[in-house]
Amino acid sequence: MPSAEASRLLRYGLSGAASALTHLSVGLLLAEGLEVPPVTASATGFAASVLVSYGLQRSWVFRASTGHVTTGGRFLAVTAVAFALNTAILGLVTGPYLMVQALALVTIPAVNYALNSRWTFRAR
């Protein structure tokens, strides 16, 4: 039987996949189905993915009981750190785009998991 931490990491990965699928699906529906401009469609998809990610991480991954005001604010702060980290990696690391973005896509979930497990959803 897997350890509690391994189970939580699996749930984290699945919640990340659901979040990414939400971002892509909402963006695609808006851009291709409703002819919303791509940047607006992607930004809306991103916002929807943040809501899905927060809901799944709070209730299923970390099973937090801390109130939404505390965890929601912390989650948004971690999301801002992730956005800044993605921007920094893409701005500072040279190489083919796909390789640099792949580096960011490996680094950011690890940082997010560490921050969310130790700060955002930490039990008091």
N, C-alpha and C. Protein backbone atom coordinates (compact mmCIF):
# COMPACT_ATOMS: atom_id res chain seq x y z
N MET A 1 0.85 -1.17 0.00
CA MET A 1 0.00 0.00 0.00
C MET A 1 0.90 1.24 0.00
N PRO A 2 0.58 2.23 -0.85
CA PRO A 2 1.42 3.42 -0.91
C PRO A 2 1.32 4.25 0.38
N SER A 3 2.39 4.99 0.65
CA SER A 3 2.40 5.83 1.83
C SER A 3 1.42 6.99 1.65
N ALA A 4 1.11 7.64 2.76
CA ALA A 4 0.19 8.79 2.71
C ALA A 4 0.76 9.89 1.81
N GLU A 5 2.07 10.10 1.89
CA GLU A 5 2.70 11.14 1.06
C GLU A 5 2.64 10.78 -0.41
N ALA A 6 2.87 9.51 -0.75
CA ALA A 6 2.78 9.07 -2.14
C ALA A 6 1.35 9.23 -2.67
N SER A 7 0.38 8.91 -1.85
CA SER A 7 -1.02 9.08 -2.25
C SER A 7 -1.33 10.55 -2.48
N ARG A 8 -0.82 11.40 -1.61
CA ARG A 8 -1.06 12.84 -1.75
C ARG A 8 -0.39 13.37 -3.01
N LEU A 9 0.81 12.89 -3.32
CA LEU A 9 1.49 13.31 -4.55
C LEU A 9 0.71 12.87 -5.79
N LEU A 10 0.14 11.67 -5.75
CA LEU A 10 -0.68 11.20 -6.86
C LEU A 10 -1.91 12.10 -7.03
N ARG A 11 -2.58 12.40 -5.92
CA ARG A 11 -3.75 13.29 -5.99
C ARG A 11 -3.34 14.67 -6.51
N TYR A 12 -2.17 15.15 -6.09
CA TYR A 12 -1.67 16.44 -6.56
C TYR A 12 -1.47 16.41 -8.08
N GLY A 13 -0.87 15.36 -8.58
CA GLY A 13 -0.67 15.22 -10.03
C GLY A 13 -1.98 15.17 -10.79
N LEU A 14 -2.95 14.43 -10.26
CA LEU A 14 -4.25 14.36 -10.91
C LEU A 14 -4.98 15.69 -10.87
N SER A 15 -4.86 16.41 -9.76
CA SER A 15 -5.51 17.72 -9.69
C SER A 15 -4.83 18.70 -10.66
N GLY A 16 -3.52 18.58 -10.82
CA GLY A 16 -2.81 19.41 -11.80
C GLY A 16 -3.26 19.11 -13.22
N ALA A 17 -3.47 17.83 -13.51
CA ALA A 17 -3.95 17.45 -14.84
C ALA A 17 -5.36 18.01 -15.07
N ALA A 18 -6.21 17.94 -14.06
CA ALA A 18 -7.57 18.49 -14.19
C ALA A 18 -7.52 20.00 -14.39
N SER A 19 -6.61 20.66 -13.70
CA SER A 19 -6.45 22.10 -13.84
C SER A 19 -5.98 22.45 -15.26
N ALA A 20 -4.99 21.73 -15.75
CA ALA A 20 -4.47 21.99 -17.10
C ALA A 20 -5.54 21.73 -18.15
N LEU A 21 -6.30 20.65 -17.97
CA LEU A 21 -7.38 20.34 -18.91
C LEU A 21 -8.46 21.42 -18.88
N THR A 22 -8.74 21.96 -17.71
CA THR A 22 -9.70 23.05 -17.60
C THR A 22 -9.20 24.28 -18.37
N HIS A 23 -7.94 24.64 -18.15
CA HIS A 23 -7.36 25.79 -18.84
C HIS A 23 -7.48 25.62 -20.35
N LEU A 24 -7.06 24.47 -20.84
CA LEU A 24 -7.08 24.22 -22.27
C LEU A 24 -8.51 24.18 -22.81
N SER A 25 -9.40 23.48 -22.13
CA SER A 25 -10.78 23.32 -22.62
C SER A 25 -11.54 24.64 -22.66
N VAL A 26 -11.45 25.40 -21.58
CA VAL A 26 -12.15 26.68 -21.54
C VAL A 26 -11.58 27.62 -22.60
N GLY A 27 -10.26 27.68 -22.69
CA GLY A 27 -9.63 28.53 -23.69
C GLY A 27 -10.01 28.13 -25.10
N LEU A 28 -10.00 26.85 -25.37
CA LEU A 28 -10.35 26.36 -26.70
C LEU A 28 -11.82 26.63 -27.03
N LEU A 29 -12.70 26.37 -26.08
CA LEU A 29 -14.12 26.64 -26.29
C LEU A 29 -14.36 28.12 -26.61
N LEU A 30 -13.72 28.98 -25.84
CA LEU A 30 -13.91 30.41 -26.06
C LEU A 30 -13.29 30.88 -27.37
N ALA A 31 -12.04 30.47 -27.63
CA ALA A 31 -11.33 30.94 -28.82
C ALA A 31 -11.90 30.36 -30.11
N GLU A 32 -12.11 29.05 -30.11
CA GLU A 32 -12.56 28.40 -31.34
C GLU A 32 -14.08 28.34 -31.47
N GLY A 33 -14.75 28.14 -30.35
CA GLY A 33 -16.21 28.00 -30.41
C GLY A 33 -16.95 29.31 -30.41
N LEU A 34 -16.44 30.27 -29.64
CA LEU A 34 -17.15 31.55 -29.50
C LEU A 34 -16.38 32.73 -30.10
N GLU A 35 -15.24 32.44 -30.73
CA GLU A 35 -14.41 33.44 -31.40
C GLU A 35 -13.98 34.59 -30.49
N VAL A 36 -13.71 34.25 -29.22
CA VAL A 36 -13.15 35.21 -28.27
C VAL A 36 -11.67 35.37 -28.62
N PRO A 37 -11.12 36.58 -28.53
CA PRO A 37 -9.68 36.74 -28.83
C PRO A 37 -8.83 35.79 -27.99
N PRO A 38 -7.74 35.24 -28.58
CA PRO A 38 -6.94 34.22 -27.90
C PRO A 38 -6.42 34.60 -26.52
N VAL A 39 -5.94 35.82 -26.34
CA VAL A 39 -5.40 36.20 -25.04
C VAL A 39 -6.50 36.20 -23.99
N THR A 40 -7.66 36.73 -24.35
CA THR A 40 -8.80 36.75 -23.42
C THR A 40 -9.26 35.32 -23.13
N ALA A 41 -9.30 34.49 -24.16
CA ALA A 41 -9.72 33.10 -23.98
C ALA A 41 -8.76 32.36 -23.05
N SER A 42 -7.47 32.54 -23.26
CA SER A 42 -6.48 31.86 -22.42
C SER A 42 -6.52 32.39 -20.99
N ALA A 43 -6.65 33.70 -20.84
CA ALA A 43 -6.71 34.27 -19.49
C ALA A 43 -7.94 33.76 -18.74
N THR A 44 -9.06 33.63 -19.43
CA THR A 44 -10.27 33.10 -18.80
C THR A 44 -10.08 31.62 -18.45
N GLY A 45 -9.45 30.88 -19.35
CA GLY A 45 -9.15 29.48 -19.06
C GLY A 45 -8.22 29.34 -17.88
N PHE A 46 -7.24 30.22 -17.79
CA PHE A 46 -6.31 30.20 -16.66
C PHE A 46 -7.06 30.47 -15.35
N ALA A 47 -7.93 31.48 -15.35
CA ALA A 47 -8.70 31.80 -14.15
C ALA A 47 -9.56 30.62 -13.73
N ALA A 48 -10.20 29.97 -14.69
CA ALA A 48 -11.01 28.78 -14.37
C ALA A 48 -10.14 27.67 -13.81
N SER A 49 -8.93 27.51 -14.36
CA SER A 49 -8.04 26.45 -13.89
C SER A 49 -7.56 26.72 -12.47
N VAL A 50 -7.39 27.97 -12.11
CA VAL A 50 -6.98 28.32 -10.75
C VAL A 50 -8.08 27.92 -9.77
N LEU A 51 -9.34 28.18 -10.14
CA LEU A 51 -10.47 27.79 -9.28
C LEU A 51 -10.54 26.27 -9.11
N VAL A 52 -10.38 25.54 -10.20
CA VAL A 52 -10.40 24.08 -10.15
C VAL A 52 -9.25 23.57 -9.29
N SER A 53 -8.07 24.11 -9.52
CA SER A 53 -6.88 23.69 -8.77
C SER A 53 -7.06 23.95 -7.28
N TYR A 54 -7.52 25.14 -6.94
CA TYR A 54 -7.73 25.47 -5.52
C TYR A 54 -8.74 24.53 -4.88
N GLY A 55 -9.86 24.34 -5.54
CA GLY A 55 -10.90 23.48 -4.98
C GLY A 55 -10.42 22.05 -4.76
N LEU A 56 -9.75 21.50 -5.75
CA LEU A 56 -9.26 20.13 -5.63
C LEU A 56 -8.15 20.02 -4.59
N GLN A 57 -7.23 20.97 -4.59
CA GLN A 57 -6.13 20.90 -3.64
C GLN A 57 -6.62 21.08 -2.20
N ARG A 58 -7.54 22.01 -2.01
CA ARG A 58 -8.02 22.26 -0.64
C ARG A 58 -8.83 21.08 -0.11
N SER A 59 -9.74 20.57 -0.95
CA SER A 59 -10.65 19.54 -0.45
C SER A 59 -10.13 18.11 -0.61
N TRP A 60 -9.34 17.85 -1.64
CA TRP A 60 -8.99 16.46 -1.96
C TRP A 60 -7.50 16.17 -1.74
N VAL A 61 -6.62 17.04 -2.21
CA VAL A 61 -5.19 16.75 -2.11
C VAL A 61 -4.70 16.91 -0.67
N PHE A 62 -4.93 18.10 -0.10
CA PHE A 62 -4.40 18.40 1.23
C PHE A 62 -5.45 18.28 2.34
N ARG A 63 -6.72 18.18 1.94
CA ARG A 63 -7.83 18.02 2.90
C ARG A 63 -7.73 19.05 4.04
N ALA A 64 -7.64 20.31 3.64
CA ALA A 64 -7.46 21.40 4.59
C ALA A 64 -8.78 21.80 5.24
N SER A 65 -8.68 22.20 6.47
CA SER A 65 -9.86 22.68 7.19
C SER A 65 -9.75 24.17 7.50
N THR A 66 -8.62 24.77 7.15
CA THR A 66 -8.43 26.20 7.35
C THR A 66 -9.39 26.95 6.43
N GLY A 67 -9.89 28.09 6.88
CA GLY A 67 -10.87 28.87 6.14
C GLY A 67 -10.39 29.35 4.78
N HIS A 68 -11.36 29.65 3.93
CA HIS A 68 -11.06 30.09 2.56
C HIS A 68 -10.31 31.42 2.53
N VAL A 69 -10.57 32.31 3.45
CA VAL A 69 -9.89 33.61 3.43
C VAL A 69 -8.38 33.39 3.56
N THR A 70 -7.99 32.55 4.49
CA THR A 70 -6.57 32.27 4.70
C THR A 70 -6.00 31.46 3.55
N THR A 71 -6.60 30.31 3.27
CA THR A 71 -6.03 29.44 2.24
C THR A 71 -6.15 30.05 0.84
N GLY A 72 -7.25 30.72 0.57
CA GLY A 72 -7.42 31.33 -0.75
C GLY A 72 -6.38 32.39 -1.02
N GLY A 73 -6.13 33.25 -0.03
CA GLY A 73 -5.10 34.28 -0.20
C GLY A 73 -3.72 33.69 -0.37
N ARG A 74 -3.42 32.69 0.42
CA ARG A 74 -2.11 32.02 0.30
C ARG A 74 -1.98 31.33 -1.05
N PHE A 75 -3.05 30.68 -1.49
CA PHE A 75 -3.02 29.99 -2.77
C PHE A 75 -2.76 30.97 -3.91
N LEU A 76 -3.42 32.12 -3.87
CA LEU A 76 -3.19 33.13 -4.90
C LEU A 76 -1.76 33.66 -4.85
N ALA A 77 -1.20 33.79 -3.66
CA ALA A 77 0.19 34.23 -3.54
C ALA A 77 1.13 33.19 -4.16
N VAL A 78 0.89 31.91 -3.90
CA VAL A 78 1.70 30.85 -4.49
C VAL A 78 1.54 30.85 -6.01
N THR A 79 0.33 31.07 -6.49
CA THR A 79 0.08 31.14 -7.93
C THR A 79 0.87 32.29 -8.55
N ALA A 80 0.93 33.43 -7.87
CA ALA A 80 1.70 34.57 -8.36
C ALA A 80 3.20 34.24 -8.39
N VAL A 81 3.68 33.52 -7.38
CA VAL A 81 5.08 33.09 -7.36
C VAL A 81 5.35 32.17 -8.55
N ALA A 82 4.43 31.26 -8.82
CA ALA A 82 4.60 30.33 -9.94
C ALA A 82 4.64 31.09 -11.27
N PHE A 83 3.77 32.07 -11.42
CA PHE A 83 3.76 32.88 -12.63
C PHE A 83 5.09 33.62 -12.79
N ALA A 84 5.56 34.21 -11.70
CA ALA A 84 6.83 34.94 -11.74
C ALA A 84 8.00 33.99 -12.04
N LEU A 85 7.97 32.80 -11.45
CA LEU A 85 9.02 31.82 -11.69
C LEU A 85 9.02 31.38 -13.15
N ASN A 86 7.85 31.14 -13.71
CA ASN A 86 7.74 30.77 -15.12
C ASN A 86 8.32 31.88 -16.00
N THR A 87 7.96 33.11 -15.70
CA THR A 87 8.46 34.25 -16.46
C THR A 87 9.98 34.35 -16.33
N ALA A 88 10.50 34.18 -15.12
CA ALA A 88 11.95 34.27 -14.90
C ALA A 88 12.68 33.17 -15.65
N ILE A 89 12.18 31.95 -15.57
CA ILE A 89 12.85 30.84 -16.27
C ILE A 89 12.87 31.11 -17.77
N LEU A 90 11.75 31.51 -18.31
CA LEU A 90 11.69 31.77 -19.75
C LEU A 90 12.53 32.98 -20.16
N GLY A 91 12.69 33.93 -19.25
CA GLY A 91 13.48 35.11 -19.57
C GLY A 91 14.98 34.93 -19.37
N LEU A 92 15.37 34.03 -18.47
CA LEU A 92 16.78 33.90 -18.11
C LEU A 92 17.48 32.69 -18.71
N VAL A 93 16.73 31.63 -18.97
CA VAL A 93 17.34 30.40 -19.49
C VAL A 93 17.30 30.43 -21.00
N THR A 94 18.45 30.21 -21.60
CA THR A 94 18.50 30.21 -23.07
C THR A 94 18.39 28.78 -23.60
N GLY A 95 17.85 28.68 -24.77
CA GLY A 95 17.69 27.38 -25.41
C GLY A 95 16.40 27.34 -26.18
N PRO A 96 16.15 26.22 -26.82
CA PRO A 96 14.89 26.09 -27.57
C PRO A 96 13.69 26.24 -26.62
N TYR A 97 12.67 26.91 -27.11
CA TYR A 97 11.50 27.21 -26.30
C TYR A 97 10.95 25.98 -25.58
N LEU A 98 10.75 24.88 -26.32
CA LEU A 98 10.14 23.70 -25.70
C LEU A 98 10.99 23.15 -24.57
N MET A 99 12.29 23.19 -24.70
CA MET A 99 13.16 22.70 -23.62
C MET A 99 13.09 23.61 -22.40
N VAL A 100 13.09 24.92 -22.63
CA VAL A 100 13.04 25.86 -21.52
C VAL A 100 11.67 25.78 -20.83
N GLN A 101 10.60 25.71 -21.62
CA GLN A 101 9.27 25.60 -21.02
C GLN A 101 9.13 24.27 -20.28
N ALA A 102 9.72 23.21 -20.80
CA ALA A 102 9.69 21.93 -20.10
C ALA A 102 10.38 22.03 -18.75
N LEU A 103 11.50 22.76 -18.70
CA LEU A 103 12.18 22.99 -17.42
C LEU A 103 11.24 23.69 -16.44
N ALA A 104 10.54 24.70 -16.91
CA ALA A 104 9.59 25.42 -16.07
C ALA A 104 8.45 24.50 -15.63
N LEU A 105 7.97 23.66 -16.53
CA LEU A 105 6.85 22.77 -16.21
C LEU A 105 7.22 21.66 -15.24
N VAL A 106 8.50 21.41 -15.07
CA VAL A 106 8.95 20.46 -14.06
C VAL A 106 9.23 21.18 -12.74
N THR A 107 9.82 22.36 -12.84
CA THR A 107 10.21 23.12 -11.65
C THR A 107 9.00 23.66 -10.90
N ILE A 108 8.08 24.25 -11.60
CA ILE A 108 6.97 24.97 -10.97
C ILE A 108 6.07 24.05 -10.14
N PRO A 109 5.65 22.89 -10.64
CA PRO A 109 4.82 22.03 -9.77
C PRO A 109 5.55 21.60 -8.49
N ALA A 110 6.85 21.38 -8.58
CA ALA A 110 7.60 21.00 -7.37
C ALA A 110 7.61 22.14 -6.36
N VAL A 111 7.83 23.36 -6.84
CA VAL A 111 7.81 24.53 -5.96
C VAL A 111 6.41 24.73 -5.39
N ASN A 112 5.40 24.63 -6.25
CA ASN A 112 4.01 24.79 -5.79
C ASN A 112 3.66 23.76 -4.72
N TYR A 113 4.05 22.53 -4.95
CA TYR A 113 3.73 21.48 -3.97
C TYR A 113 4.38 21.79 -2.63
N ALA A 114 5.64 22.17 -2.67
CA ALA A 114 6.34 22.49 -1.43
C ALA A 114 5.67 23.64 -0.69
N LEU A 115 5.35 24.71 -1.40
CA LEU A 115 4.72 25.87 -0.76
C LEU A 115 3.31 25.56 -0.28
N ASN A 116 2.54 24.86 -1.11
CA ASN A 116 1.16 24.56 -0.73
C ASN A 116 1.07 23.57 0.42
N SER A 117 1.95 22.58 0.44
CA SER A 117 1.88 21.59 1.51
C SER A 117 2.41 22.15 2.83
N ARG A 118 3.38 23.05 2.77
CA ARG A 118 4.01 23.57 4.00
C ARG A 118 3.43 24.90 4.47
N TRP A 119 2.69 25.60 3.60
CA TRP A 119 2.20 26.91 3.99
C TRP A 119 0.71 27.10 3.68
N THR A 120 0.33 26.99 2.42
CA THR A 120 -1.04 27.30 2.02
C THR A 120 -2.07 26.46 2.78
N PHE A 121 -1.90 25.16 2.77
CA PHE A 121 -2.90 24.24 3.34
C PHE A 121 -2.43 23.59 4.64
N ARG A 122 -1.42 24.15 5.25
CA ARG A 122 -0.88 23.60 6.49
C ARG A 122 -1.93 23.73 7.61
N ALA A 123 -2.06 22.69 8.37
CA ALA A 123 -2.96 22.73 9.52
C ALA A 123 -2.35 23.63 10.58
N ARG A 124 -3.21 24.31 11.29
CA ARG A 124 -2.72 25.24 12.33
C ARG A 124 -2.12 24.50 13.47
